Amino acid sequence: AFAVTTPFKSKAGSSIKRLRTISKALQLMKRTPAPQISYLITSFISNYLPKRVAQYALVKANCHSVATISNVHGFPETIHWAGNPVEMICAFLPLPTGIPIGIVVTSYNGRIIMSVDADASVVPDADEFLQWMVEEYETIKSEAETSQ
């Protein structure tokens, strides 16, 4: 588990500008020792502390995060399993303790696949939430094509 706060203003410029700002902040943070230290601490907490203490510590360590996002780089072309083509690969993210939204973005065979796992008390309609993500992706894609 590695929690980081990224600068985000929903109306700050174009979608591409917001994406670049967040990406830059994440890349800078990933170059620090924080991810490795976070991994070691959370491994210790989850493996050696009593379950109730571990859950409490992990909730506090999440820095009031509202979502966790993971990207999974898939294969650029169709792969085969037992001689049959694999049509789609889908990933999911079990919700970490204290974080109500989990998002996975996967690529496979030239396509992008997104999945959402969410606590219904926070996101009552995960399909609608996913649709908003798709709309934002389409906006970014359109802006990228226009800027070239």
C-alpha atoms as a PDB file:
ATOM      1  CA  ALA A   1       0.000   0.000   0.000  1.00  0.00           C
ATOM      2  CA  PHE A   2       1.347   3.370  -0.993  1.00  0.00           C
ATOM      3  CA  ALA A   3      -0.807   6.451  -0.491  1.00  0.00           C
ATOM      4  CA  VAL A   4       0.032   9.741  -2.111  1.00  0.00           C
ATOM      5  CA  THR A   5      -1.874  12.979  -2.448  1.00  0.00           C
ATOM      6  CA  THR A   6      -1.823  14.439  -5.937  1.00  0.00           C
ATOM      7  CA  PRO A   7      -2.663  17.993  -6.952  1.00  0.00           C
ATOM      8  CA  PHE A   8      -6.090  17.999  -8.528  1.00  0.00           C
ATOM      9  CA  LYS A   9      -8.440  20.768  -9.481  1.00  0.00           C
ATOM     10  CA  SER A  10     -11.374  19.479 -11.497  1.00  0.00           C
ATOM     11  CA  LYS A  11     -11.712  22.658 -13.545  1.00  0.00           C
ATOM     12  CA  ALA A  12      -8.001  23.455 -13.951  1.00  0.00           C
ATOM     13  CA  GLY A  13      -7.436  23.544 -17.702  1.00  0.00           C
ATOM     14  CA  SER A  14      -7.864  20.720 -20.152  1.00  0.00           C
ATOM     15  CA  SER A  15      -8.173  17.047 -19.298  1.00  0.00           C
ATOM     16  CA  ILE A  16      -4.703  16.466 -20.724  1.00  0.00           C
ATOM     17  CA  LYS A  17      -3.245  19.217 -18.537  1.00  0.00           C
ATOM     18  CA  ARG A  18      -4.862  17.676 -15.427  1.00  0.00           C
ATOM     19  CA  LEU A  19      -3.584  14.232 -16.397  1.00  0.00           C
ATOM     20  CA  ARG A  20      -0.038  15.533 -16.954  1.00  0.00           C
ATOM     21  CA  THR A  21      -0.073  17.348 -13.597  1.00  0.00           C
ATOM     22  CA  ILE A  22      -1.151  14.200 -11.748  1.00  0.00           C
ATOM     23  CA  SER A  23       1.275  11.999 -13.708  1.00  0.00           C
ATOM     24  CA  LYS A  24       4.198  14.325 -12.953  1.00  0.00           C
ATOM     25  CA  ALA A  25       3.380  14.359  -9.223  1.00  0.00           C
ATOM     26  CA  LEU A  26       3.162  10.553  -9.141  1.00  0.00           C
ATOM     27  CA  GLN A  27       6.408  10.077 -11.086  1.00  0.00           C
ATOM     28  CA  LEU A  28       8.248  12.390  -8.695  1.00  0.00           C
ATOM     29  CA  MET A  29       6.884  10.526  -5.662  1.00  0.00           C
ATOM     30  CA  LYS A  30       7.762   7.126  -7.138  1.00  0.00           C
ATOM     31  CA  ARG A  31      11.425   8.201  -7.356  1.00  0.00           C
ATOM     32  CA  THR A  32      11.617   8.683  -3.588  1.00  0.00           C
ATOM     33  CA  PRO A  33      12.166   5.908  -1.030  1.00  0.00           C
ATOM     34  CA  ALA A  34       8.527   6.307   0.095  1.00  0.00           C
ATOM     35  CA  PRO A  35       7.050   3.408  -1.952  1.00  0.00           C
ATOM     36  CA  GLN A  36       9.634   0.927  -0.648  1.00  0.00           C
ATOM     37  CA  ILE A  37       9.297   2.150   2.927  1.00  0.00           C
ATOM     38  CA  SER A  38       5.506   2.002   2.656  1.00  0.00           C
ATOM     39  CA  TYR A  39       5.688  -1.560   1.328  1.00  0.00           C
ATOM     40  CA  LEU A  40       7.948  -2.686   4.181  1.00  0.00           C
ATOM     41  CA  ILE A  41       5.811  -1.037   6.855  1.00  0.00           C
ATOM     42  CA  THR A  42       2.500  -2.364   5.517  1.00  0.00           C
ATOM     43  CA  SER A  43       3.989  -5.855   5.087  1.00  0.00           C
ATOM     44  CA  PHE A  44       5.107  -5.806   8.711  1.00  0.00           C
ATOM     45  CA  ILE A  45       1.747  -4.487   9.919  1.00  0.00           C
ATOM     46  CA  SER A  46      -0.315  -7.024   7.991  1.00  0.00           C
ATOM     47  CA  ASN A  47       1.935 -10.013   8.762  1.00  0.00           C
ATOM     48  CA  TYR A  48       2.850  -9.449  12.421  1.00  0.00           C
ATOM     49  CA  LEU A  49       0.255  -7.302  14.165  1.00  0.00           C
ATOM     50  CA  PRO A  50      -3.123  -8.539  15.433  1.00  0.00           C
ATOM     51  CA  LYS A  51      -5.871  -8.186  12.817  1.00  0.00           C
ATOM     52  CA  ARG A  52      -7.766  -5.371  14.604  1.00  0.00           C
ATOM     53  CA  VAL A  53      -4.569  -3.373  15.140  1.00  0.00           C
ATOM     54  CA  ALA A  54      -3.495  -3.962  11.534  1.00  0.00           C
ATOM     55  CA  GLN A  55      -6.858  -2.819  10.153  1.00  0.00           C
ATOM     56  CA  TYR A  56      -6.788   0.317  12.297  1.00  0.00           C
ATOM     57  CA  ALA A  57      -3.208   1.112  11.258  1.00  0.00           C
ATOM     58  CA  LEU A  58      -3.933   0.589   7.556  1.00  0.00           C
ATOM     59  CA  VAL A  59      -7.015   2.813   7.672  1.00  0.00           C
ATOM     60  CA  LYS A  60      -4.957   5.561   9.315  1.00  0.00           C
ATOM     61  CA  ALA A  61      -2.102   5.066   6.818  1.00  0.00           C
ATOM     62  CA  ASN A  62      -4.401   5.588   3.841  1.00  0.00           C
ATOM     63  CA  CYS A  63      -4.366   9.358   4.402  1.00  0.00           C
ATOM     64  CA  HIS A  64      -8.137   9.645   3.900  1.00  0.00           C
ATOM     65  CA  SER A  65      -7.732   8.352   0.331  1.00  0.00           C
ATOM     66  CA  VAL A  66     -10.957   7.955  -1.590  1.00  0.00           C
ATOM     67  CA  ALA A  67      -9.682   5.656  -4.336  1.00  0.00           C
ATOM     68  CA  THR A  68      -6.894   3.353  -5.281  1.00  0.00           C
ATOM     69  CA  ILE A  69      -5.975   3.018  -8.936  1.00  0.00           C
ATOM     70  CA  SER A  70      -3.826   0.379 -10.590  1.00  0.00           C
ATOM     71  CA  ASN A  71      -2.740  -0.044 -14.160  1.00  0.00           C
ATOM     72  CA  VAL A  72      -1.939  -3.455 -15.611  1.00  0.00           C
ATOM     73  CA  HIS A  73       0.015  -3.517 -18.863  1.00  0.00           C
ATOM     74  CA  GLY A  74      -1.342  -6.358 -20.948  1.00  0.00           C
ATOM     75  CA  PHE A  75      -0.159  -7.970 -24.129  1.00  0.00           C
ATOM     76  CA  PRO A  76      -0.153  -5.783 -27.249  1.00  0.00           C
ATOM     77  CA  GLU A  77      -1.554  -8.584 -29.418  1.00  0.00           C
ATOM     78  CA  THR A  78      -3.862 -11.568 -28.993  1.00  0.00           C
ATOM     79  CA  ILE A  79      -2.466 -14.400 -26.892  1.00  0.00           C
ATOM     80  CA  HIS A  80      -3.662 -18.003 -26.935  1.00  0.00           C
ATOM     81  CA  TRP A  81      -4.581 -20.391 -24.129  1.00  0.00           C
ATOM     82  CA  ALA A  82      -4.689 -24.089 -24.986  1.00  0.00           C
ATOM     83  CA  GLY A  83      -4.782 -23.166 -28.679  1.00  0.00           C
ATOM     84  CA  ASN A  84      -7.714 -20.759 -28.316  1.00  0.00           C
ATOM     85  CA  PRO A  85      -7.454 -16.969 -28.641  1.00  0.00           C
ATOM     86  CA  VAL A  86      -8.007 -15.029 -25.435  1.00  0.00           C
ATOM     87  CA  GLU A  87     -10.695 -12.465 -26.272  1.00  0.00           C
ATOM     88  CA  MET A  88     -10.364 -10.227 -23.218  1.00  0.00           C
ATOM     89  CA  ILE A  89      -8.403  -9.870 -20.022  1.00  0.00           C
ATOM     90  CA  CYS A  90     -10.055  -8.222 -17.067  1.00  0.00           C
ATOM     91  CA  ALA A  91      -8.524  -7.321 -13.726  1.00  0.00           C
ATOM     92  CA  PHE A  92     -10.112  -6.233 -10.475  1.00  0.00           C
ATOM     93  CA  LEU A  93      -8.840  -4.657  -7.300  1.00  0.00           C
ATOM     94  CA  PRO A  94     -10.111  -5.860  -3.933  1.00  0.00           C
ATOM     95  CA  LEU A  95     -10.827  -2.787  -1.858  1.00  0.00           C
ATOM     96  CA  PRO A  96      -8.026  -2.001   0.584  1.00  0.00           C
ATOM     97  CA  THR A  97      -9.091  -1.426   4.178  1.00  0.00           C
ATOM     98  CA  GLY A  98     -10.622   2.035   4.492  1.00  0.00           C
ATOM     99  CA  ILE A  99     -10.610   2.917   0.776  1.00  0.00           C
ATOM    100  CA  PRO A 100     -14.079   2.814  -0.829  1.00  0.00           C
ATOM    101  CA  ILE A 101     -13.166   2.829  -4.549  1.00  0.00           C
ATOM    102  CA  GLY A 102     -10.816   0.559  -6.492  1.00  0.00           C
ATOM    103  CA  ILE A 103     -10.103   1.146 -10.183  1.00  0.00           C
ATOM    104  CA  VAL A 104      -8.057  -0.999 -12.573  1.00  0.00           C
ATOM    105  CA  VAL A 105      -7.056   0.102 -16.059  1.00  0.00           C
ATOM    106  CA  THR A 106      -5.820  -2.769 -18.217  1.00  0.00           C
ATOM    107  CA  SER A 107      -4.544  -2.844 -21.774  1.00  0.00           C
ATOM    108  CA  TYR A 108      -4.843  -5.862 -24.038  1.00  0.00           C
ATOM    109  CA  ASN A 109      -4.679  -6.362 -27.783  1.00  0.00           C
ATOM    110  CA  GLY A 110      -4.903  -2.651 -28.582  1.00  0.00           C
ATOM    111  CA  ARG A 111      -7.832  -2.031 -26.239  1.00  0.00           C
ATOM    112  CA  ILE A 112      -8.204  -0.412 -22.844  1.00  0.00           C
ATOM    113  CA  ILE A 113     -10.335  -2.190 -20.262  1.00  0.00           C
ATOM    114  CA  MET A 114     -11.465  -0.456 -17.057  1.00  0.00           C
ATOM    115  CA  SER A 115     -13.080  -1.984 -13.997  1.00  0.00           C
ATOM    116  CA  VAL A 116     -14.459  -0.459 -10.816  1.00  0.00           C
ATOM    117  CA  ASP A 117     -14.995  -2.058  -7.429  1.00  0.00           C
ATOM    118  CA  ALA A 118     -16.760   0.274  -5.031  1.00  0.00           C
ATOM    119  CA  ASP A 119     -18.455   0.397  -1.674  1.00  0.00           C
ATOM    120  CA  ALA A 120     -22.140   0.916  -2.507  1.00  0.00           C
ATOM    121  CA  SER A 121     -22.537   3.407   0.348  1.00  0.00           C
ATOM    122  CA  VAL A 122     -20.036   5.710  -1.398  1.00  0.00           C
ATOM    123  CA  VAL A 123     -20.721   4.877  -5.053  1.00  0.00           C
ATOM    124  CA  PRO A 124     -24.334   3.686  -5.315  1.00  0.00           C
ATOM    125  CA  ASP A 125     -24.049   3.101  -9.076  1.00  0.00           C
ATOM    126  CA  ALA A 126     -20.631   1.734 -10.094  1.00  0.00           C
ATOM    127  CA  ASP A 127     -21.755   1.460 -13.730  1.00  0.00           C
ATOM    128  CA  GLU A 128     -22.520   5.183 -13.857  1.00  0.00           C
ATOM    129  CA  PHE A 129     -19.191   5.942 -12.186  1.00  0.00           C
ATOM    130  CA  LEU A 130     -17.425   3.802 -14.806  1.00  0.00           C
ATOM    131  CA  GLN A 131     -19.322   5.643 -17.548  1.00  0.00           C
ATOM    132  CA  TRP A 132     -17.946   8.944 -16.205  1.00  0.00           C
ATOM    133  CA  MET A 133     -14.457   7.447 -16.418  1.00  0.00           C
ATOM    134  CA  VAL A 134     -15.069   6.398 -20.031  1.00  0.00           C
ATOM    135  CA  GLU A 135     -16.332   9.907 -20.865  1.00  0.00           C
ATOM    136  CA  GLU A 136     -13.202  11.468 -19.356  1.00  0.00           C
ATOM    137  CA  TYR A 137     -11.014   9.017 -21.290  1.00  0.00           C
ATOM    138  CA  GLU A 138     -12.827   9.961 -24.519  1.00  0.00           C
ATOM    139  CA  THR A 139     -12.286  13.658 -23.706  1.00  0.00           C
ATOM    140  CA  ILE A 140      -8.550  13.089 -23.148  1.00  0.00           C
ATOM    141  CA  LYS A 141      -8.303  11.015 -26.338  1.00  0.00           C
ATOM    142  CA  SER A 142     -10.125  13.693 -28.351  1.00  0.00           C
ATOM    143  CA  GLU A 143      -7.939  16.496 -26.940  1.00  0.00           C
ATOM    144  CA  ALA A 144      -4.791  14.472 -27.697  1.00  0.00           C
ATOM    145  CA  GLU A 145      -5.873  13.894 -31.308  1.00  0.00           C
ATOM    146  CA  THR A 146      -6.749  17.583 -31.720  1.00  0.00           C
ATOM    147  CA  SER A 147      -3.420  18.783 -30.325  1.00  0.00           C
ATOM    148  CA  GLN A 148      -1.336  16.737 -32.790  1.00  0.00           C
END
